[in-house]
Amino acid sequence: MPRSTKTTGTPRSHTAAEKREIREGLQRRLAELEVEVADSGAVADELRREELTGDEADVAAAVVGHEHESALAEGLQREIVQVEHALLRLSHGDYGRCEQCGRAIPAGRLLAFPAATQCVQCKQDEERH
């Protein structure tokens, strides 16, 4: 993962091996997300069938379940977009740099959230507003 220099906040360049490792990790996560979306779609289809064929209690439970699955699917789709964006940034050479201020995103943050596009400070500032 990228390391920043303490004085400039400029990320060092990734080695070819690091880029490959980052790309492979992001691609694995993308594949996992696509499976989760497919599974979520299958559950949503089953809940829709229950909405059409069940008694009142079954229909009510299916509606709640369907709403939950829809929210889950939306979250998965957002994460897919984030991972795809990270892969694009990696290929363009700006992965690991904050899109707001241009400083290096700490390696620990990238380890925890590989699709991060903001340093901790910019993310906190955004959440406050």
C-alpha atoms as a PDB file:
ATOM      1  CA  MET A   1       0.000   0.000   0.000  1.00  0.00           C
ATOM      2  CA  PRO A   2       1.145   3.575  -0.552  1.00  0.00           C
ATOM      3  CA  ARG A   3       3.101   5.373   2.116  1.00  0.00           C
ATOM      4  CA  SER A   4       3.099   9.106   2.457  1.00  0.00           C
ATOM      5  CA  THR A   5       6.063  11.215   3.318  1.00  0.00           C
ATOM      6  CA  LYS A   6       5.609  13.113   6.544  1.00  0.00           C
ATOM      7  CA  THR A   7       6.662  16.469   5.154  1.00  0.00           C
ATOM      8  CA  THR A   8       4.901  16.724   1.818  1.00  0.00           C
ATOM      9  CA  GLY A   9       1.963  14.369   2.029  1.00  0.00           C
ATOM     10  CA  THR A  10       2.897  13.072  -1.420  1.00  0.00           C
ATOM     11  CA  PRO A  11       2.285   9.368  -1.914  1.00  0.00           C
ATOM     12  CA  ARG A  12       5.214   7.371  -3.152  1.00  0.00           C
ATOM     13  CA  SER A  13       4.722   5.567  -6.432  1.00  0.00           C
ATOM     14  CA  HIS A  14       3.435   2.030  -6.225  1.00  0.00           C
ATOM     15  CA  THR A  15       5.707  -0.714  -7.426  1.00  0.00           C
ATOM     16  CA  ALA A  16       4.393  -2.955 -10.191  1.00  0.00           C
ATOM     17  CA  ALA A  17       3.896  -5.735  -7.625  1.00  0.00           C
ATOM     18  CA  GLU A  18       1.940  -3.430  -5.307  1.00  0.00           C
ATOM     19  CA  LYS A  19      -0.264  -2.256  -8.167  1.00  0.00           C
ATOM     20  CA  ARG A  20      -0.929  -5.855  -9.148  1.00  0.00           C
ATOM     21  CA  GLU A  21      -1.782  -6.750  -5.542  1.00  0.00           C
ATOM     22  CA  ILE A  22      -4.100  -3.753  -5.169  1.00  0.00           C
ATOM     23  CA  ARG A  23      -5.772  -4.453  -8.514  1.00  0.00           C
ATOM     24  CA  GLU A  24      -6.263  -8.135  -7.662  1.00  0.00           C
ATOM     25  CA  GLY A  25      -7.762  -7.246  -4.282  1.00  0.00           C
ATOM     26  CA  LEU A  26     -10.148  -4.750  -5.842  1.00  0.00           C
ATOM     27  CA  GLN A  27     -11.118  -7.199  -8.574  1.00  0.00           C
ATOM     28  CA  ARG A  28     -11.783  -9.913  -5.960  1.00  0.00           C
ATOM     29  CA  ARG A  29     -14.000  -7.516  -4.038  1.00  0.00           C
ATOM     30  CA  LEU A  30     -15.827  -6.565  -7.231  1.00  0.00           C
ATOM     31  CA  ALA A  31     -16.509 -10.250  -7.978  1.00  0.00           C
ATOM     32  CA  GLU A  32     -17.772 -10.781  -4.395  1.00  0.00           C
ATOM     33  CA  LEU A  33     -20.089  -7.802  -4.724  1.00  0.00           C
ATOM     34  CA  GLU A  34     -21.485  -9.058  -8.010  1.00  0.00           C
ATOM     35  CA  VAL A  35     -22.297 -12.420  -6.371  1.00  0.00           C
ATOM     36  CA  GLU A  36     -23.949 -10.612  -3.457  1.00  0.00           C
ATOM     37  CA  VAL A  37     -26.053  -8.540  -5.864  1.00  0.00           C
ATOM     38  CA  ALA A  38     -27.149 -11.682  -7.709  1.00  0.00           C
ATOM     39  CA  ASP A  39     -28.026 -13.393  -4.409  1.00  0.00           C
ATOM     40  CA  SER A  40     -29.919 -10.316  -3.271  1.00  0.00           C
ATOM     41  CA  GLY A  41     -31.856 -10.293  -6.537  1.00  0.00           C
ATOM     42  CA  ALA A  42     -32.852 -13.935  -6.036  1.00  0.00           C
ATOM     43  CA  VAL A  43     -34.078 -13.179  -2.517  1.00  0.00           C
ATOM     44  CA  ALA A  44     -35.991 -10.143  -3.784  1.00  0.00           C
ATOM     45  CA  ASP A  45     -37.652 -12.280  -6.470  1.00  0.00           C
ATOM     46  CA  GLU A  46     -38.756 -14.810  -3.842  1.00  0.00           C
ATOM     47  CA  LEU A  47     -40.125 -12.027  -1.639  1.00  0.00           C
ATOM     48  CA  ARG A  48     -42.087 -10.608  -4.586  1.00  0.00           C
ATOM     49  CA  ARG A  49     -43.651 -14.031  -5.159  1.00  0.00           C
ATOM     50  CA  GLU A  50     -44.610 -14.190  -1.475  1.00  0.00           C
ATOM     51  CA  GLU A  51     -46.175 -10.733  -1.748  1.00  0.00           C
ATOM     52  CA  LEU A  52     -48.407 -12.045  -4.528  1.00  0.00           C
ATOM     53  CA  THR A  53     -49.328 -15.435  -3.095  1.00  0.00           C
ATOM     54  CA  GLY A  54     -49.221 -15.205   0.711  1.00  0.00           C
ATOM     55  CA  ASP A  55     -51.790 -14.358   3.345  1.00  0.00           C
ATOM     56  CA  GLU A  56     -51.754 -10.924   5.031  1.00  0.00           C
ATOM     57  CA  ALA A  57     -49.010 -11.782   7.517  1.00  0.00           C
ATOM     58  CA  ASP A  58     -46.859 -13.325   4.775  1.00  0.00           C
ATOM     59  CA  VAL A  59     -47.415 -10.322   2.539  1.00  0.00           C
ATOM     60  CA  ALA A  60     -46.500  -7.876   5.316  1.00  0.00           C
ATOM     61  CA  ALA A  61     -43.330  -9.809   6.133  1.00  0.00           C
ATOM     62  CA  ALA A  62     -42.451 -10.028   2.448  1.00  0.00           C
ATOM     63  CA  VAL A  63     -42.902  -6.276   1.970  1.00  0.00           C
ATOM     64  CA  VAL A  64     -40.582  -5.528   4.899  1.00  0.00           C
ATOM     65  CA  GLY A  65     -38.095  -8.080   3.616  1.00  0.00           C
ATOM     66  CA  HIS A  66     -38.296  -6.651   0.117  1.00  0.00           C
ATOM     67  CA  GLU A  67     -37.582  -3.138   1.411  1.00  0.00           C
ATOM     68  CA  HIS A  68     -34.591  -4.475   3.341  1.00  0.00           C
ATOM     69  CA  GLU A  69     -33.266  -6.322   0.272  1.00  0.00           C
ATOM     70  CA  SER A  70     -33.741  -3.221  -1.883  1.00  0.00           C
ATOM     71  CA  ALA A  71     -31.712  -1.122   0.556  1.00  0.00           C
ATOM     72  CA  LEU A  72     -29.026  -3.808   0.671  1.00  0.00           C
ATOM     73  CA  ALA A  73     -28.880  -3.979  -3.136  1.00  0.00           C
ATOM     74  CA  GLU A  74     -28.526  -0.190  -3.362  1.00  0.00           C
ATOM     75  CA  GLY A  75     -25.621  -0.291  -0.917  1.00  0.00           C
ATOM     76  CA  LEU A  76     -23.965  -3.061  -2.900  1.00  0.00           C
ATOM     77  CA  GLN A  77     -24.375  -1.090  -6.134  1.00  0.00           C
ATOM     78  CA  ARG A  78     -22.790   1.987  -4.507  1.00  0.00           C
ATOM     79  CA  GLU A  79     -19.839  -0.126  -3.376  1.00  0.00           C
ATOM     80  CA  ILE A  80     -19.466  -1.581  -6.885  1.00  0.00           C
ATOM     81  CA  VAL A  81     -19.232   1.949  -8.295  1.00  0.00           C
ATOM     82  CA  GLN A  82     -16.613   2.832  -5.651  1.00  0.00           C
ATOM     83  CA  VAL A  83     -14.491  -0.229  -6.425  1.00  0.00           C
ATOM     84  CA  GLU A  84     -14.724   0.382 -10.174  1.00  0.00           C
ATOM     85  CA  HIS A  85     -13.674   3.998  -9.569  1.00  0.00           C
ATOM     86  CA  ALA A  86     -10.694   2.811  -7.493  1.00  0.00           C
ATOM     87  CA  LEU A  87      -9.640   0.478 -10.317  1.00  0.00           C
ATOM     88  CA  LEU A  88      -9.851   3.381 -12.763  1.00  0.00           C
ATOM     89  CA  ARG A  89      -7.799   5.612 -10.451  1.00  0.00           C
ATOM     90  CA  LEU A  90      -5.207   2.851 -10.124  1.00  0.00           C
ATOM     91  CA  SER A  91      -4.887   2.568 -13.890  1.00  0.00           C
ATOM     92  CA  HIS A  92      -4.554   6.372 -14.205  1.00  0.00           C
ATOM     93  CA  GLY A  93      -1.894   6.537 -11.494  1.00  0.00           C
ATOM     94  CA  ASP A  94      -3.790   8.660  -8.974  1.00  0.00           C
ATOM     95  CA  TYR A  95      -4.877   5.871  -6.616  1.00  0.00           C
ATOM     96  CA  GLY A  96      -3.955   6.742  -3.037  1.00  0.00           C
ATOM     97  CA  ARG A  97      -4.258  10.498  -3.503  1.00  0.00           C
ATOM     98  CA  CYS A  98      -7.161  12.456  -1.964  1.00  0.00           C
ATOM     99  CA  GLU A  99      -9.535  13.749  -4.632  1.00  0.00           C
ATOM    100  CA  GLN A 100     -10.275  16.829  -2.487  1.00  0.00           C
ATOM    101  CA  CYS A 101      -6.888  18.114  -1.380  1.00  0.00           C
ATOM    102  CA  GLY A 102      -4.406  16.004  -3.354  1.00  0.00           C
ATOM    103  CA  ARG A 103      -2.562  14.740  -0.279  1.00  0.00           C
ATOM    104  CA  ALA A 104      -1.704  11.098   0.248  1.00  0.00           C
ATOM    105  CA  ILE A 105      -4.407   8.896   1.737  1.00  0.00           C
ATOM    106  CA  PRO A 106      -2.791   7.043   4.650  1.00  0.00           C
ATOM    107  CA  ALA A 107      -1.934   3.417   3.929  1.00  0.00           C
ATOM    108  CA  GLY A 108      -3.982   2.277   6.932  1.00  0.00           C
ATOM    109  CA  ARG A 109      -7.081   3.935   5.520  1.00  0.00           C
ATOM    110  CA  LEU A 110      -6.515   2.270   2.151  1.00  0.00           C
ATOM    111  CA  LEU A 111      -6.039  -1.095   3.852  1.00  0.00           C
ATOM    112  CA  ALA A 112      -9.331  -0.671   5.700  1.00  0.00           C
ATOM    113  CA  PHE A 113     -11.184   0.822   2.737  1.00  0.00           C
ATOM    114  CA  PRO A 114      -9.319   0.208  -0.544  1.00  0.00           C
ATOM    115  CA  ALA A 115     -11.791   2.310  -2.536  1.00  0.00           C
ATOM    116  CA  ALA A 116     -11.187   5.420  -0.401  1.00  0.00           C
ATOM    117  CA  THR A 117     -10.967   8.609  -2.430  1.00  0.00           C
ATOM    118  CA  GLN A 118     -10.448  11.072   0.422  1.00  0.00           C
ATOM    119  CA  CYS A 119      -7.940  11.468   3.218  1.00  0.00           C
ATOM    120  CA  VAL A 120      -9.293  11.234   6.744  1.00  0.00           C
ATOM    121  CA  GLN A 121      -9.409  15.008   7.229  1.00  0.00           C
ATOM    122  CA  CYS A 122     -11.367  15.701   4.031  1.00  0.00           C
ATOM    123  CA  LYS A 123     -13.778  12.846   4.780  1.00  0.00           C
ATOM    124  CA  GLN A 124     -14.400  14.216   8.278  1.00  0.00           C
ATOM    125  CA  ASP A 125     -14.909  17.733   6.894  1.00  0.00           C
ATOM    126  CA  GLU A 126     -17.432  16.369   4.349  1.00  0.00           C
ATOM    127  CA  GLU A 127     -19.367  14.476   7.024  1.00  0.00           C
ATOM    128  CA  ARG A 128     -19.617  17.588   9.198  1.00  0.00           C
ATOM    129  CA  HIS A 129     -21.266  19.583   6.412  1.00  0.00           C
END
